[in-house]
Amino acid sequence: MKKAEVGNVIEFKNGLQGIVEKVNENSVIVDLTYMENYRDLELEQRTVVNHKNYKIIREKTQ
């Protein structure tokens, strides 16, 4: 499985999406404000996602 890098957009947990801000050994920290409906969902701004629980939607752009 390919690990996400900082700047990648990932999808996890029932379609939530976010931008990877930090890569840890077993997880990534994700900024959820990337989603248009972020405020409607009443979520925290950031969350931690295990590498096993996401898929990369878009690679970071240079």
PDB file of N, CA and C in Angstrom:
ATOM      1  N   MET A   1       0.831  -1.182   0.000  1.00  0.00           N
ATOM      2  CA  MET A   1       0.000   0.000   0.000  1.00  0.00           C
ATOM      3  C   MET A   1       0.876   1.246   0.000  1.00  0.00           C
ATOM      4  N   LYS A   2       0.538   2.189  -0.838  1.00  0.00           N
ATOM      5  CA  LYS A   2       1.290   3.436  -0.930  1.00  0.00           C
ATOM      6  C   LYS A   2       0.832   4.403   0.156  1.00  0.00           C
ATOM      7  N   LYS A   3       1.782   4.962   0.890  1.00  0.00           N
ATOM      8  CA  LYS A   3       1.459   5.941   1.921  1.00  0.00           C
ATOM      9  C   LYS A   3       1.281   7.314   1.287  1.00  0.00           C
ATOM     10  N   ALA A   4       0.369   8.074   1.849  1.00  0.00           N
ATOM     11  CA  ALA A   4       0.138   9.432   1.375  1.00  0.00           C
ATOM     12  C   ALA A   4       1.319  10.322   1.743  1.00  0.00           C
ATOM     13  N   GLU A   5       1.459  11.418   1.010  1.00  0.00           N
ATOM     14  CA  GLU A   5       2.485  12.408   1.292  1.00  0.00           C
ATOM     15  C   GLU A   5       1.798  13.723   1.632  1.00  0.00           C
ATOM     16  N   VAL A   6       2.538  14.638   2.231  1.00  0.00           N
ATOM     17  CA  VAL A   6       1.994  15.965   2.551  1.00  0.00           C
ATOM     18  C   VAL A   6       1.493  16.610   1.261  1.00  0.00           C
ATOM     19  N   GLY A   7       0.273  17.109   1.295  1.00  0.00           N
ATOM     20  CA  GLY A   7      -0.328  17.755   0.129  1.00  0.00           C
ATOM     21  C   GLY A   7      -1.266  16.863  -0.661  1.00  0.00           C
ATOM     22  N   ASN A   8      -1.222  15.547  -0.434  1.00  0.00           N
ATOM     23  CA  ASN A   8      -2.151  14.635  -1.111  1.00  0.00           C
ATOM     24  C   ASN A   8      -3.561  14.841  -0.574  1.00  0.00           C
ATOM     25  N   VAL A   9      -4.546  14.593  -1.439  1.00  0.00           N
ATOM     26  CA  VAL A   9      -5.942  14.571  -1.002  1.00  0.00           C
ATOM     27  C   VAL A   9      -6.309  13.112  -0.803  1.00  0.00           C
ATOM     28  N   ILE A  10      -6.860  12.797   0.372  1.00  0.00           N
ATOM     29  CA  ILE A  10      -7.246  11.417   0.659  1.00  0.00           C
ATOM     30  C   ILE A  10      -8.734  11.343   0.978  1.00  0.00           C
ATOM     31  N   GLU A  11      -9.275  10.128   0.830  1.00  0.00           N
ATOM     32  CA  GLU A  11     -10.671   9.869   1.188  1.00  0.00           C
ATOM     33  C   GLU A  11     -10.684   8.760   2.225  1.00  0.00           C
ATOM     34  N   PHE A  12     -11.569   8.889   3.204  1.00  0.00           N
ATOM     35  CA  PHE A  12     -11.644   7.921   4.290  1.00  0.00           C
ATOM     36  C   PHE A  12     -13.028   7.973   4.902  1.00  0.00           C
ATOM     37  N   LYS A  13     -13.352   6.985   5.703  1.00  0.00           N
ATOM     38  CA  LYS A  13     -14.557   6.946   6.537  1.00  0.00           C
ATOM     39  C   LYS A  13     -15.804   7.520   5.852  1.00  0.00           C
ATOM     40  N   ASN A  14     -16.440   6.734   5.028  1.00  0.00           N
ATOM     41  CA  ASN A  14     -17.715   7.098   4.395  1.00  0.00           C
ATOM     42  C   ASN A  14     -17.652   8.346   3.526  1.00  0.00           C
ATOM     43  N   GLY A  15     -16.550   8.543   2.810  1.00  0.00           N
ATOM     44  CA  GLY A  15     -16.483   9.617   1.832  1.00  0.00           C
ATOM     45  C   GLY A  15     -15.911  10.933   2.307  1.00  0.00           C
ATOM     46  N   LEU A  16     -15.458  11.021   3.552  1.00  0.00           N
ATOM     47  CA  LEU A  16     -14.816  12.257   3.998  1.00  0.00           C
ATOM     48  C   LEU A  16     -13.505  12.430   3.244  1.00  0.00           C
ATOM     49  N   GLN A  17     -13.162  13.686   2.933  1.00  0.00           N
ATOM     50  CA  GLN A  17     -11.924  13.967   2.225  1.00  0.00           C
ATOM     51  C   GLN A  17     -11.166  15.073   2.923  1.00  0.00           C
ATOM     52  N   GLY A  18      -9.852  15.065   2.738  1.00  0.00           N
ATOM     53  CA  GLY A  18      -9.024  16.101   3.333  1.00  0.00           C
ATOM     54  C   GLY A  18      -7.635  16.100   2.740  1.00  0.00           C
ATOM     55  N   ILE A  19      -6.880  17.137   3.087  1.00  0.00           N
ATOM     56  CA  ILE A  19      -5.507  17.292   2.612  1.00  0.00           C
ATOM     57  C   ILE A  19      -4.555  16.861   3.720  1.00  0.00           C
ATOM     58  N   VAL A  20      -3.596  16.024   3.364  1.00  0.00           N
ATOM     59  CA  VAL A  20      -2.615  15.537   4.333  1.00  0.00           C
ATOM     60  C   VAL A  20      -1.684  16.683   4.726  1.00  0.00           C
ATOM     61  N   GLU A  21      -1.592  16.937   6.037  1.00  0.00           N
ATOM     62  CA  GLU A  21      -0.709  17.987   6.553  1.00  0.00           C
ATOM     63  C   GLU A  21       0.574  17.421   7.137  1.00  0.00           C
ATOM     64  N   LYS A  22       0.501  16.205   7.705  1.00  0.00           N
ATOM     65  CA  LYS A  22       1.679  15.595   8.309  1.00  0.00           C
ATOM     66  C   LYS A  22       1.574  14.083   8.189  1.00  0.00           C
ATOM     67  N   VAL A  23       2.695  13.454   7.915  1.00  0.00           N
ATOM     68  CA  VAL A  23       2.754  11.995   7.815  1.00  0.00           C
ATOM     69  C   VAL A  23       3.525  11.465   9.023  1.00  0.00           C
ATOM     70  N   ASN A  24       2.882  10.599   9.783  1.00  0.00           N
ATOM     71  CA  ASN A  24       3.510   9.937  10.925  1.00  0.00           C
ATOM     72  C   ASN A  24       3.810   8.487  10.551  1.00  0.00           C
ATOM     73  N   GLU A  25       4.403   7.751  11.460  1.00  0.00           N
ATOM     74  CA  GLU A  25       4.766   6.363  11.176  1.00  0.00           C
ATOM     75  C   GLU A  25       3.555   5.497  10.840  1.00  0.00           C
ATOM     76  N   ASN A  26       2.471   5.643  11.607  1.00  0.00           N
ATOM     77  CA  ASN A  26       1.295   4.796  11.419  1.00  0.00           C
ATOM     78  C   ASN A  26       0.055   5.538  10.941  1.00  0.00           C
ATOM     79  N   SER A  27       0.159   6.846  10.767  1.00  0.00           N
ATOM     80  CA  SER A  27      -1.034   7.625  10.435  1.00  0.00           C
ATOM     81  C   SER A  27      -0.671   8.936   9.754  1.00  0.00           C
ATOM     82  N   VAL A  28      -1.709   9.645   9.313  1.00  0.00           N
ATOM     83  CA  VAL A  28      -1.550  10.980   8.748  1.00  0.00           C
ATOM     84  C   VAL A  28      -2.480  11.937   9.484  1.00  0.00           C
ATOM     85  N   ILE A  29      -2.095  13.201   9.538  1.00  0.00           N
ATOM     86  CA  ILE A  29      -2.963  14.245  10.068  1.00  0.00           C
ATOM     87  C   ILE A  29      -3.554  14.966   8.861  1.00  0.00           C
ATOM     88  N   VAL A  30      -4.889  15.089   8.862  1.00  0.00           N
ATOM     89  CA  VAL A  30      -5.617  15.558   7.687  1.00  0.00           C
ATOM     90  C   VAL A  30      -6.398  16.831   8.003  1.00  0.00           C
ATOM     91  N   ASP A  31      -6.318  17.809   7.096  1.00  0.00           N
ATOM     92  CA  ASP A  31      -7.098  19.044   7.200  1.00  0.00           C
ATOM     93  C   ASP A  31      -8.427  18.817   6.486  1.00  0.00           C
ATOM     94  N   LEU A  32      -9.528  18.843   7.230  1.00  0.00           N
ATOM     95  CA  LEU A  32     -10.850  18.546   6.674  1.00  0.00           C
ATOM     96  C   LEU A  32     -11.527  19.764   6.043  1.00  0.00           C
ATOM     97  N   THR A  33     -10.961  20.952   6.202  1.00  0.00           N
ATOM     98  CA  THR A  33     -11.591  22.157   5.638  1.00  0.00           C
ATOM     99  C   THR A  33     -11.552  22.141   4.111  1.00  0.00           C
ATOM    100  N   TYR A  34     -10.883  21.168   3.521  1.00  0.00           N
ATOM    101  CA  TYR A  34     -10.844  20.984   2.065  1.00  0.00           C
ATOM    102  C   TYR A  34     -12.245  20.725   1.502  1.00  0.00           C
ATOM    103  N   MET A  35     -13.100  20.071   2.281  1.00  0.00           N
ATOM    104  CA  MET A  35     -14.445  19.721   1.810  1.00  0.00           C
ATOM    105  C   MET A  35     -15.341  20.954   1.793  1.00  0.00           C
ATOM    106  N   GLU A  36     -16.131  21.074   0.735  1.00  0.00           N
ATOM    107  CA  GLU A  36     -17.044  22.219   0.614  1.00  0.00           C
ATOM    108  C   GLU A  36     -18.072  22.238   1.736  1.00  0.00           C
ATOM    109  N   ASN A  37     -18.544  21.079   2.164  1.00  0.00           N
ATOM    110  CA  ASN A  37     -19.579  21.003   3.201  1.00  0.00           C
ATOM    111  C   ASN A  37     -18.997  20.818   4.599  1.00  0.00           C
ATOM    112  N   TYR A  38     -17.748  21.206   4.787  1.00  0.00           N
ATOM    113  CA  TYR A  38     -17.064  21.037   6.074  1.00  0.00           C
ATOM    114  C   TYR A  38     -17.863  21.646   7.226  1.00  0.00           C
ATOM    115  N   ARG A  39     -18.330  22.871   7.082  1.00  0.00           N
ATOM    116  CA  ARG A  39     -19.056  23.554   8.165  1.00  0.00           C
ATOM    117  C   ARG A  39     -20.394  22.864   8.452  1.00  0.00           C
ATOM    118  N   ASP A  40     -21.054  22.358   7.435  1.00  0.00           N
ATOM    119  CA  ASP A  40     -22.340  21.681   7.618  1.00  0.00           C
ATOM    120  C   ASP A  40     -22.198  20.397   8.433  1.00  0.00           C
ATOM    121  N   LEU A  41     -21.067  19.739   8.324  1.00  0.00           N
ATOM    122  CA  LEU A  41     -20.842  18.465   9.001  1.00  0.00           C
ATOM    123  C   LEU A  41     -20.447  18.631  10.468  1.00  0.00           C
ATOM    124  N   GLU A  42     -20.112  19.852  10.865  1.00  0.00           N
ATOM    125  CA  GLU A  42     -19.732  20.155  12.246  1.00  0.00           C
ATOM    126  C   GLU A  42     -18.610  19.236  12.752  1.00  0.00           C
ATOM    127  N   LEU A  43     -17.549  19.152  11.962  1.00  0.00           N
ATOM    128  CA  LEU A  43     -16.386  18.337  12.307  1.00  0.00           C
ATOM    129  C   LEU A  43     -15.269  19.216  12.853  1.00  0.00           C
ATOM    130  N   GLU A  44     -14.326  18.593  13.530  1.00  0.00           N
ATOM    131  CA  GLU A  44     -13.105  19.287  13.926  1.00  0.00           C
ATOM    132  C   GLU A  44     -12.341  19.652  12.648  1.00  0.00           C
ATOM    133  N   GLN A  45     -11.449  20.626  12.752  1.00  0.00           N
ATOM    134  CA  GLN A  45     -10.702  21.070  11.570  1.00  0.00           C
ATOM    135  C   GLN A  45      -9.718  20.008  11.078  1.00  0.00           C
ATOM    136  N   ARG A  46      -9.131  19.259  12.015  1.00  0.00           N
ATOM    137  CA  ARG A  46      -8.152  18.230  11.656  1.00  0.00           C
ATOM    138  C   ARG A  46      -8.521  16.909  12.325  1.00  0.00           C
ATOM    139  N   THR A  47      -8.019  15.832  11.713  1.00  0.00           N
ATOM    140  CA  THR A  47      -8.210  14.511  12.307  1.00  0.00           C
ATOM    141  C   THR A  47      -7.024  13.632  11.964  1.00  0.00           C
ATOM    142  N   VAL A  48      -6.910  12.513  12.657  1.00  0.00           N
ATOM    143  CA  VAL A  48      -5.838  11.542  12.430  1.00  0.00           C
ATOM    144  C   VAL A  48      -6.449  10.307  11.777  1.00  0.00           C
ATOM    145  N   VAL A  49      -5.793   9.823  10.716  1.00  0.00           N
ATOM    146  CA  VAL A  49      -6.285   8.648   9.994  1.00  0.00           C
ATOM    147  C   VAL A  49      -5.137   7.652   9.835  1.00  0.00           C
ATOM    148  N   ASN A  50      -5.384   6.414  10.220  1.00  0.00           N
ATOM    149  CA  ASN A  50      -4.400   5.346  10.070  1.00  0.00           C
ATOM    150  C   ASN A  50      -4.142   5.086   8.587  1.00  0.00           C
ATOM    151  N   HIS A  51      -2.913   4.702   8.254  1.00  0.00           N
ATOM    152  CA  HIS A  51      -2.560   4.434   6.852  1.00  0.00           C
ATOM    153  C   HIS A  51      -3.439   3.352   6.220  1.00  0.00           C
ATOM    154  N   LYS A  52      -3.965   2.439   7.024  1.00  0.00           N
ATOM    155  CA  LYS A  52      -4.806   1.358   6.501  1.00  0.00           C
ATOM    156  C   LYS A  52      -6.205   1.832   6.118  1.00  0.00           C
ATOM    157  N   ASN A  53      -6.594   3.041   6.556  1.00  0.00           N
ATOM    158  CA  ASN A  53      -7.993   3.459   6.467  1.00  0.00           C
ATOM    159  C   ASN A  53      -8.277   4.578   5.482  1.00  0.00           C
ATOM    160  N   TYR A  54      -7.417   4.793   4.507  1.00  0.00           N
ATOM    161  CA  TYR A  54      -7.695   5.826   3.507  1.00  0.00           C
ATOM    162  C   TYR A  54      -7.230   5.387   2.136  1.00  0.00           C
ATOM    163  N   LYS A  55      -7.684   6.119   1.125  1.00  0.00           N
ATOM    164  CA  LYS A  55      -7.141   5.937  -0.217  1.00  0.00           C
ATOM    165  C   LYS A  55      -6.804   7.316  -0.765  1.00  0.00           C
ATOM    166  N   ILE A  56      -5.747   7.367  -1.568  1.00  0.00           N
ATOM    167  CA  ILE A  56      -5.294   8.631  -2.134  1.00  0.00           C
ATOM    168  C   ILE A  56      -6.178   8.975  -3.328  1.00  0.00           C
ATOM    169  N   ILE A  57      -6.776  10.167  -3.283  1.00  0.00           N
ATOM    170  CA  ILE A  57      -7.652  10.631  -4.359  1.00  0.00           C
ATOM    171  C   ILE A  57      -6.862  11.438  -5.382  1.00  0.00           C
ATOM    172  N   ARG A  58      -5.974  12.300  -4.885  1.00  0.00           N
ATOM    173  CA  ARG A  58      -5.187  13.150  -5.783  1.00  0.00           C
ATOM    174  C   ARG A  58      -3.795  13.355  -5.193  1.00  0.00           C
ATOM    175  N   GLU A  59      -2.785  13.168  -6.038  1.00  0.00           N
ATOM    176  CA  GLU A  59      -1.403  13.411  -5.631  1.00  0.00           C
ATOM    177  C   GLU A  59      -1.188  14.907  -5.479  1.00  0.00           C
ATOM    178  N   LYS A  60      -0.229  15.285  -4.653  1.00  0.00           N
ATOM    179  CA  LYS A  60       0.085  16.701  -4.480  1.00  0.00           C
ATOM    180  C   LYS A  60       0.598  17.283  -5.783  1.00  0.00           C
ATOM    181  N   THR A  61       0.327  18.552  -5.990  1.00  0.00           N
ATOM    182  CA  THR A  61       0.834  19.227  -7.180  1.00  0.00           C
ATOM    183  C   THR A  61       2.086  19.993  -6.802  1.00  0.00           C
ATOM    184  N   GLN A  62       3.035  20.002  -7.674  1.00  0.00           N
ATOM    185  CA  GLN A  62       4.327  20.645  -7.402  1.00  0.00           C
ATOM    186  C   GLN A  62       4.233  22.138  -7.453  1.00  0.00           C
TER     187      GLN A  62
END
